[in-house]
Amino acid sequence: MVSHWTIDVVVMLALVSAASALKCYKCKDCANQSAQVEECSYNYDTCMKIDLSGHVIKGCSRRVECSLGTIERGAVDAWNSVKNWIANLHEDIEVPQDAQARVVGCCEHDYCNSAVTKLMNPLLLLLPLMMYYLQC
């Protein structure tokens, strides 16, 4: 028989882990400023990274904004949504009407909108090979 105290602890731990907010890197001009860690509010469930003709923006976003499609495929609705998102969230950034977005990346785990994460994944594939050669 499981004690009442054990059930209470398990429920509390589940609530605490479910309540922890997503953490993303945030910067308005990432080429000229270092990214800060941002704890996303409850209605922001993804991290986003956008490259607008060399002007990189990172921050919290909503999954629906990411699921509208990729801009590179000509998804005009997605581009308008992204422009509105930038205008609403980052009022000091002017997005030219003819700006071309090259990369829109969305992800759903802590700190996933950093460039380092994307560079590290292929390197991790080489780790077993390197370990093999080091043992020989």
N, C-alpha and C. Protein backbone atom coordinates (compact mmCIF):
# COMPACT_ATOMS: atom_id res chain seq x y z
N MET A 1 0.85 -1.17 0.00
CA MET A 1 0.00 0.00 0.00
C MET A 1 0.90 1.24 0.00
N VAL A 2 0.65 2.14 -0.90
CA VAL A 2 1.44 3.36 -1.02
C VAL A 2 0.90 4.39 -0.03
N SER A 3 1.79 5.02 0.70
CA SER A 3 1.35 5.98 1.71
C SER A 3 0.83 7.25 1.05
N HIS A 4 0.00 7.95 1.79
CA HIS A 4 -0.58 9.21 1.33
C HIS A 4 0.52 10.25 1.11
N TRP A 5 1.54 10.22 1.94
CA TRP A 5 2.65 11.17 1.82
C TRP A 5 3.41 10.97 0.51
N THR A 6 3.62 9.72 0.10
CA THR A 6 4.33 9.42 -1.14
C THR A 6 3.56 9.94 -2.35
N ILE A 7 2.26 9.75 -2.34
CA ILE A 7 1.42 10.23 -3.45
C ILE A 7 1.49 11.75 -3.52
N ASP A 8 1.46 12.43 -2.38
CA ASP A 8 1.54 13.89 -2.36
C ASP A 8 2.86 14.39 -2.95
N VAL A 9 3.96 13.73 -2.61
CA VAL A 9 5.27 14.13 -3.12
C VAL A 9 5.34 13.93 -4.63
N VAL A 10 4.84 12.81 -5.12
CA VAL A 10 4.86 12.54 -6.56
C VAL A 10 4.03 13.57 -7.31
N VAL A 11 2.86 13.89 -6.80
CA VAL A 11 2.00 14.90 -7.44
C VAL A 11 2.68 16.26 -7.44
N MET A 12 3.29 16.64 -6.34
CA MET A 12 3.98 17.94 -6.27
C MET A 12 5.14 18.01 -7.25
N LEU A 13 5.93 16.94 -7.35
CA LEU A 13 7.04 16.92 -8.30
C LEU A 13 6.55 17.00 -9.74
N ALA A 14 5.45 16.34 -10.03
CA ALA A 14 4.89 16.40 -11.38
C ALA A 14 4.42 17.81 -11.72
N LEU A 15 3.81 18.47 -10.75
CA LEU A 15 3.34 19.84 -10.98
C LEU A 15 4.50 20.80 -11.16
N VAL A 16 5.54 20.64 -10.37
CA VAL A 16 6.69 21.54 -10.48
C VAL A 16 7.39 21.35 -11.81
N SER A 17 7.58 20.11 -12.25
CA SER A 17 8.26 19.89 -13.53
C SER A 17 7.41 20.35 -14.70
N ALA A 18 6.10 20.20 -14.61
CA ALA A 18 5.22 20.65 -15.69
C ALA A 18 5.15 22.17 -15.74
N ALA A 19 5.35 22.81 -14.62
CA ALA A 19 5.23 24.26 -14.56
C ALA A 19 6.51 24.99 -14.96
N SER A 20 7.60 24.27 -15.11
CA SER A 20 8.85 24.96 -15.45
C SER A 20 8.75 25.49 -16.88
N ALA A 21 9.12 26.74 -17.04
CA ALA A 21 8.97 27.43 -18.32
C ALA A 21 10.11 27.09 -19.27
N LEU A 22 9.80 27.18 -20.54
CA LEU A 22 10.80 27.01 -21.59
C LEU A 22 11.79 28.16 -21.54
N LYS A 23 13.05 27.87 -21.77
CA LYS A 23 14.09 28.90 -21.77
C LYS A 23 14.70 28.99 -23.17
N CYS A 24 14.73 30.20 -23.70
CA CYS A 24 15.27 30.44 -25.05
C CYS A 24 16.29 31.55 -24.99
N TYR A 25 17.14 31.58 -26.01
CA TYR A 25 18.02 32.72 -26.17
C TYR A 25 17.23 33.85 -26.82
N LYS A 26 17.51 35.09 -26.38
CA LYS A 26 16.80 36.24 -26.91
C LYS A 26 17.80 37.32 -27.29
N CYS A 27 17.68 37.81 -28.50
CA CYS A 27 18.45 38.97 -28.94
C CYS A 27 17.73 39.58 -30.14
N LYS A 28 17.81 40.88 -30.24
CA LYS A 28 17.15 41.59 -31.34
C LYS A 28 18.08 41.77 -32.53
N ASP A 29 19.36 41.80 -32.27
CA ASP A 29 20.37 41.93 -33.33
C ASP A 29 21.54 41.05 -32.91
N CYS A 30 21.40 39.76 -33.12
CA CYS A 30 22.34 38.78 -32.56
C CYS A 30 23.76 38.91 -33.12
N ALA A 31 23.91 39.52 -34.29
CA ALA A 31 25.25 39.70 -34.84
C ALA A 31 26.03 40.76 -34.07
N ASN A 32 25.33 41.70 -33.45
CA ASN A 32 25.99 42.81 -32.77
C ASN A 32 25.80 42.82 -31.26
N GLN A 33 25.05 41.89 -30.73
CA GLN A 33 24.86 41.82 -29.28
C GLN A 33 24.79 40.36 -28.87
N SER A 34 25.20 40.10 -27.65
CA SER A 34 25.14 38.72 -27.17
C SER A 34 23.72 38.38 -26.75
N ALA A 35 23.37 37.14 -26.95
CA ALA A 35 22.03 36.68 -26.61
C ALA A 35 21.89 36.52 -25.10
N GLN A 36 20.74 36.88 -24.59
CA GLN A 36 20.41 36.71 -23.19
C GLN A 36 19.46 35.52 -23.05
N VAL A 37 19.43 34.91 -21.89
CA VAL A 37 18.49 33.83 -21.64
C VAL A 37 17.15 34.44 -21.23
N GLU A 38 16.10 33.97 -21.87
CA GLU A 38 14.76 34.45 -21.59
C GLU A 38 13.90 33.28 -21.13
N GLU A 39 13.16 33.46 -20.06
CA GLU A 39 12.21 32.44 -19.63
C GLU A 39 10.87 32.80 -20.25
N CYS A 40 10.37 31.91 -21.09
CA CYS A 40 9.15 32.20 -21.85
C CYS A 40 7.92 32.21 -20.95
N SER A 41 6.99 33.09 -21.26
CA SER A 41 5.74 33.11 -20.51
C SER A 41 4.90 31.89 -20.90
N TYR A 42 3.85 31.64 -20.17
CA TYR A 42 3.10 30.39 -20.31
C TYR A 42 2.53 30.16 -21.71
N ASN A 43 2.22 31.20 -22.47
CA ASN A 43 1.61 31.00 -23.78
C ASN A 43 2.64 30.92 -24.92
N TYR A 44 3.92 31.00 -24.61
CA TYR A 44 4.97 30.83 -25.60
C TYR A 44 5.60 29.46 -25.40
N ASP A 45 5.47 28.58 -26.40
CA ASP A 45 5.86 27.19 -26.22
C ASP A 45 6.98 26.72 -27.15
N THR A 46 7.58 27.64 -27.91
CA THR A 46 8.71 27.29 -28.76
C THR A 46 9.75 28.40 -28.73
N CYS A 47 10.96 28.05 -29.10
CA CYS A 47 12.02 29.04 -29.32
C CYS A 47 12.12 29.26 -30.83
N MET A 48 12.32 30.52 -31.24
CA MET A 48 12.39 30.83 -32.66
C MET A 48 13.70 31.53 -32.97
N LYS A 49 14.20 31.26 -34.17
CA LYS A 49 15.38 31.95 -34.69
C LYS A 49 15.07 32.35 -36.12
N ILE A 50 15.24 33.63 -36.43
CA ILE A 50 14.92 34.16 -37.75
C ILE A 50 16.14 34.89 -38.29
N ASP A 51 16.43 34.69 -39.56
CA ASP A 51 17.49 35.43 -40.24
C ASP A 51 16.84 36.27 -41.33
N LEU A 52 16.78 37.58 -41.11
CA LEU A 52 16.21 38.51 -42.08
C LEU A 52 17.35 39.21 -42.80
N SER A 53 17.76 38.66 -43.89
CA SER A 53 18.85 39.25 -44.69
C SER A 53 20.06 39.58 -43.83
N GLY A 54 20.48 38.65 -43.00
CA GLY A 54 21.65 38.84 -42.15
C GLY A 54 21.36 39.41 -40.78
N HIS A 55 20.14 39.84 -40.53
CA HIS A 55 19.73 40.38 -39.23
C HIS A 55 19.07 39.24 -38.45
N VAL A 56 19.77 38.66 -37.48
CA VAL A 56 19.28 37.49 -36.75
C VAL A 56 18.54 37.92 -35.50
N ILE A 57 17.36 37.34 -35.33
CA ILE A 57 16.51 37.61 -34.17
C ILE A 57 16.21 36.27 -33.50
N LYS A 58 16.30 36.23 -32.18
CA LYS A 58 15.99 35.02 -31.43
C LYS A 58 15.04 35.39 -30.30
N GLY A 59 14.19 34.45 -29.92
CA GLY A 59 13.31 34.67 -28.79
C GLY A 59 12.26 33.59 -28.66
N CYS A 60 11.35 33.80 -27.72
CA CYS A 60 10.24 32.88 -27.51
C CYS A 60 9.18 33.10 -28.58
N SER A 61 8.46 32.06 -28.90
CA SER A 61 7.42 32.15 -29.92
C SER A 61 6.31 31.17 -29.58
N ARG A 62 5.29 31.17 -30.43
CA ARG A 62 4.18 30.22 -30.28
C ARG A 62 4.29 29.15 -31.36
N ARG A 63 3.90 27.95 -31.03
CA ARG A 63 3.97 26.83 -31.97
C ARG A 63 3.17 27.13 -33.24
N VAL A 64 2.05 27.81 -33.11
CA VAL A 64 1.21 28.10 -34.27
C VAL A 64 1.95 28.97 -35.28
N GLU A 65 2.81 29.86 -34.81
CA GLU A 65 3.58 30.70 -35.74
C GLU A 65 4.60 29.88 -36.51
N CYS A 66 5.08 28.83 -35.91
CA CYS A 66 6.06 27.97 -36.58
C CYS A 66 5.39 26.98 -37.53
N SER A 67 4.16 26.61 -37.24
CA SER A 67 3.49 25.60 -38.05
C SER A 67 2.81 26.18 -39.28
N LEU A 68 2.92 27.47 -39.49
CA LEU A 68 2.29 28.07 -40.67
C LEU A 68 3.02 27.74 -41.96
N GLY A 69 4.20 27.24 -41.86
CA GLY A 69 4.98 26.89 -43.05
C GLY A 69 6.28 27.64 -43.08
N THR A 70 7.15 27.26 -43.99
CA THR A 70 8.43 27.95 -44.08
C THR A 70 8.35 29.08 -45.09
N ILE A 71 9.07 30.12 -44.79
CA ILE A 71 9.07 31.29 -45.65
C ILE A 71 9.76 30.99 -46.98
N GLU A 72 10.78 30.16 -46.94
CA GLU A 72 11.52 29.84 -48.16
C GLU A 72 10.64 29.18 -49.20
N ARG A 73 9.59 28.54 -48.80
CA ARG A 73 8.67 27.91 -49.74
C ARG A 73 7.58 28.87 -50.20
N GLY A 74 7.70 30.12 -49.86
CA GLY A 74 6.75 31.11 -50.33
C GLY A 74 5.47 31.17 -49.53
N ALA A 75 5.53 30.83 -48.26
CA ALA A 75 4.33 30.88 -47.43
C ALA A 75 4.10 32.32 -46.99
N VAL A 76 3.33 33.05 -47.77
CA VAL A 76 3.11 34.47 -47.53
C VAL A 76 2.43 34.69 -46.18
N ASP A 77 1.49 33.84 -45.84
CA ASP A 77 0.81 33.99 -44.56
C ASP A 77 1.79 33.85 -43.40
N ALA A 78 2.73 32.92 -43.52
CA ALA A 78 3.72 32.74 -42.46
C ALA A 78 4.60 33.97 -42.35
N TRP A 79 5.01 34.52 -43.47
CA TRP A 79 5.87 35.70 -43.45
C TRP A 79 5.13 36.88 -42.82
N ASN A 80 3.86 37.07 -43.17
CA ASN A 80 3.09 38.15 -42.56
C ASN A 80 2.94 37.94 -41.06
N SER A 81 2.75 36.70 -40.66
CA SER A 81 2.65 36.40 -39.23
C SER A 81 3.96 36.71 -38.52
N VAL A 82 5.08 36.33 -39.14
CA VAL A 82 6.39 36.59 -38.54
C VAL A 82 6.65 38.09 -38.46
N LYS A 83 6.32 38.82 -39.53
CA LYS A 83 6.51 40.28 -39.51
C LYS A 83 5.67 40.91 -38.41
N ASN A 84 4.43 40.45 -38.26
CA ASN A 84 3.57 40.96 -37.19
C ASN A 84 4.13 40.60 -35.82
N TRP A 85 4.67 39.38 -35.69
CA TRP A 85 5.25 38.95 -34.43
C TRP A 85 6.42 39.84 -34.06
N ILE A 86 7.28 40.13 -35.05
CA ILE A 86 8.43 41.00 -34.80
C ILE A 86 7.96 42.40 -34.45
N ALA A 87 6.99 42.92 -35.19
CA ALA A 87 6.51 44.28 -34.94
C ALA A 87 5.88 44.39 -33.55
N ASN A 88 5.16 43.38 -33.13
CA ASN A 88 4.50 43.43 -31.82
C ASN A 88 5.47 43.20 -30.68
N LEU A 89 6.40 42.28 -30.86
CA LEU A 89 7.29 41.90 -29.77
C LEU A 89 8.53 42.79 -29.71
N HIS A 90 9.00 43.23 -30.85
CA HIS A 90 10.22 44.02 -30.93
C HIS A 90 9.92 45.32 -31.66
N GLU A 91 9.29 46.24 -30.98
CA GLU A 91 8.81 47.47 -31.61
C GLU A 91 9.92 48.35 -32.15
N ASP A 92 11.14 48.22 -31.62
CA ASP A 92 12.23 49.07 -32.07
C ASP A 92 12.92 48.55 -33.33
N ILE A 93 12.50 47.41 -33.84
CA ILE A 93 13.08 46.88 -35.07
C ILE A 93 12.13 47.16 -36.22
N GLU A 94 12.64 47.81 -37.25
CA GLU A 94 11.85 48.05 -38.44
C GLU A 94 12.16 46.96 -39.45
N VAL A 95 11.13 46.27 -39.90
CA VAL A 95 11.30 45.22 -40.88
C VAL A 95 10.90 45.78 -42.24
N PRO A 96 11.85 45.91 -43.17
CA PRO A 96 11.51 46.42 -44.49
C PRO A 96 10.50 45.52 -45.18
N GLN A 97 9.62 46.10 -45.97
CA GLN A 97 8.59 45.32 -46.65
C GLN A 97 9.19 44.28 -47.60
N ASP A 98 10.36 44.59 -48.17
CA ASP A 98 10.97 43.67 -49.12
C ASP A 98 11.99 42.73 -48.47
N ALA A 99 12.04 42.69 -47.15
CA ALA A 99 13.01 41.84 -46.45
C ALA A 99 12.74 40.37 -46.77
N GLN A 100 13.80 39.65 -47.01
CA GLN A 100 13.69 38.23 -47.32
C GLN A 100 14.18 37.42 -46.12
N ALA A 101 13.37 36.52 -45.66
CA ALA A 101 13.78 35.65 -44.56
C ALA A 101 14.42 34.40 -45.15
N ARG A 102 15.63 34.10 -44.72
CA ARG A 102 16.32 32.92 -45.22
C ARG A 102 16.12 31.72 -44.31
N VAL A 103 16.05 31.94 -43.04
CA VAL A 103 15.96 30.83 -42.10
C VAL A 103 14.91 31.14 -41.05
N VAL A 104 14.01 30.24 -40.85
CA VAL A 104 13.10 30.31 -39.72
C VAL A 104 13.21 28.97 -39.02
N GLY A 105 13.69 29.01 -37.80
CA GLY A 105 13.85 27.78 -37.05
C GLY A 105 13.06 27.83 -35.76
N CYS A 106 12.33 26.78 -35.50
CA CYS A 106 11.58 26.68 -34.26
C CYS A 106 11.92 25.35 -33.59
N CYS A 107 11.98 25.37 -32.28
CA CYS A 107 12.30 24.17 -31.52
C CYS A 107 11.63 24.27 -30.16
N GLU A 108 11.57 23.16 -29.46
CA GLU A 108 10.73 23.11 -28.26
C GLU A 108 11.45 22.67 -27.00
N HIS A 109 12.77 22.81 -26.93
CA HIS A 109 13.45 22.48 -25.67
C HIS A 109 14.38 23.63 -25.28
N ASP A 110 14.77 23.65 -24.03
CA ASP A 110 15.56 24.76 -23.49
C ASP A 110 16.82 25.04 -24.31
N TYR A 111 17.03 26.31 -24.59
CA TYR A 111 18.24 26.82 -25.26
C TYR A 111 18.45 26.25 -26.66
N CYS A 112 17.42 25.80 -27.31
CA CYS A 112 17.57 25.14 -28.61
C CYS A 112 17.74 26.10 -29.77
N ASN A 113 17.55 27.40 -29.57
CA ASN A 113 17.68 28.35 -30.69
C ASN A 113 19.07 28.97 -30.75
N SER A 114 20.06 28.25 -30.25
CA SER A 114 21.44 28.73 -30.35
C SER A 114 22.11 28.07 -31.55
N ALA A 115 23.07 28.74 -32.14
CA ALA A 115 23.80 28.17 -33.27
C ALA A 115 24.68 27.02 -32.83
N VAL A 116 25.12 27.05 -31.58
CA VAL A 116 26.02 26.01 -31.06
C VAL A 116 25.35 24.65 -31.10
N THR A 117 24.06 24.59 -30.77
CA THR A 117 23.35 23.32 -30.75
C THR A 117 23.39 22.66 -32.12
N LYS A 118 23.17 23.43 -33.18
CA LYS A 118 23.16 22.87 -34.52
C LYS A 118 24.55 22.42 -34.94
N LEU A 119 25.58 23.08 -34.47
CA LEU A 119 26.93 22.69 -34.82
C LEU A 119 27.39 21.46 -34.05
N MET A 120 26.89 21.28 -32.86
CA MET A 120 27.35 20.19 -32.03
C MET A 120 26.78 18.85 -32.47
N ASN A 121 25.58 18.79 -32.98
CA ASN A 121 24.98 17.51 -33.32
C ASN A 121 25.80 16.70 -34.31
N PRO A 122 26.28 17.25 -35.43
CA PRO A 122 27.12 16.44 -36.33
C PRO A 122 28.43 16.01 -35.67
N LEU A 123 28.97 16.85 -34.81
CA LEU A 123 30.21 16.48 -34.14
C LEU A 123 30.01 15.31 -33.20
N LEU A 124 28.84 15.21 -32.60
CA LEU A 124 28.57 14.09 -31.70
C LEU A 124 28.53 12.77 -32.45
N LEU A 125 28.19 12.81 -33.72
CA LEU A 125 28.19 11.58 -34.51
C LEU A 125 29.60 11.04 -34.71
N LEU A 126 30.57 11.92 -34.67
CA LEU A 126 31.97 11.50 -34.85
C LEU A 126 32.59 10.98 -33.56
N LEU A 127 31.95 11.19 -32.44
CA LEU A 127 32.51 10.80 -31.16
C LEU A 127 32.83 9.31 -31.07
N PRO A 128 31.94 8.40 -31.45
CA PRO A 128 32.31 6.97 -31.37
C PRO A 128 33.50 6.62 -32.25
N LEU A 129 33.58 7.23 -33.42
CA LEU A 129 34.71 6.98 -34.31
C LEU A 129 36.02 7.46 -33.69
N MET A 130 35.99 8.62 -33.09
CA MET A 130 37.18 9.16 -32.43
C MET A 130 37.58 8.28 -31.25
N MET A 131 36.61 7.80 -30.48
CA MET A 131 36.90 6.93 -29.34
C MET A 131 37.55 5.63 -29.82
N TYR A 132 37.08 5.10 -30.94
CA TYR A 132 37.63 3.87 -31.49
C TYR A 132 39.10 4.06 -31.86
N TYR A 133 39.41 5.16 -32.55
CA TYR A 133 40.80 5.40 -32.96
C TYR A 133 41.71 5.71 -31.78
N LEU A 134 41.18 6.30 -30.75
CA LEU A 134 42.00 6.59 -29.57
C LEU A 134 42.35 5.31 -28.81
N GLN A 135 41.52 4.30 -28.88
CA GLN A 135 41.78 3.05 -28.19
C GLN A 135 42.78 2.17 -28.94
N CYS A 136 42.93 2.38 -30.22
CA CYS A 136 43.86 1.55 -31.03
C CYS A 136 45.29 1.89 -30.79
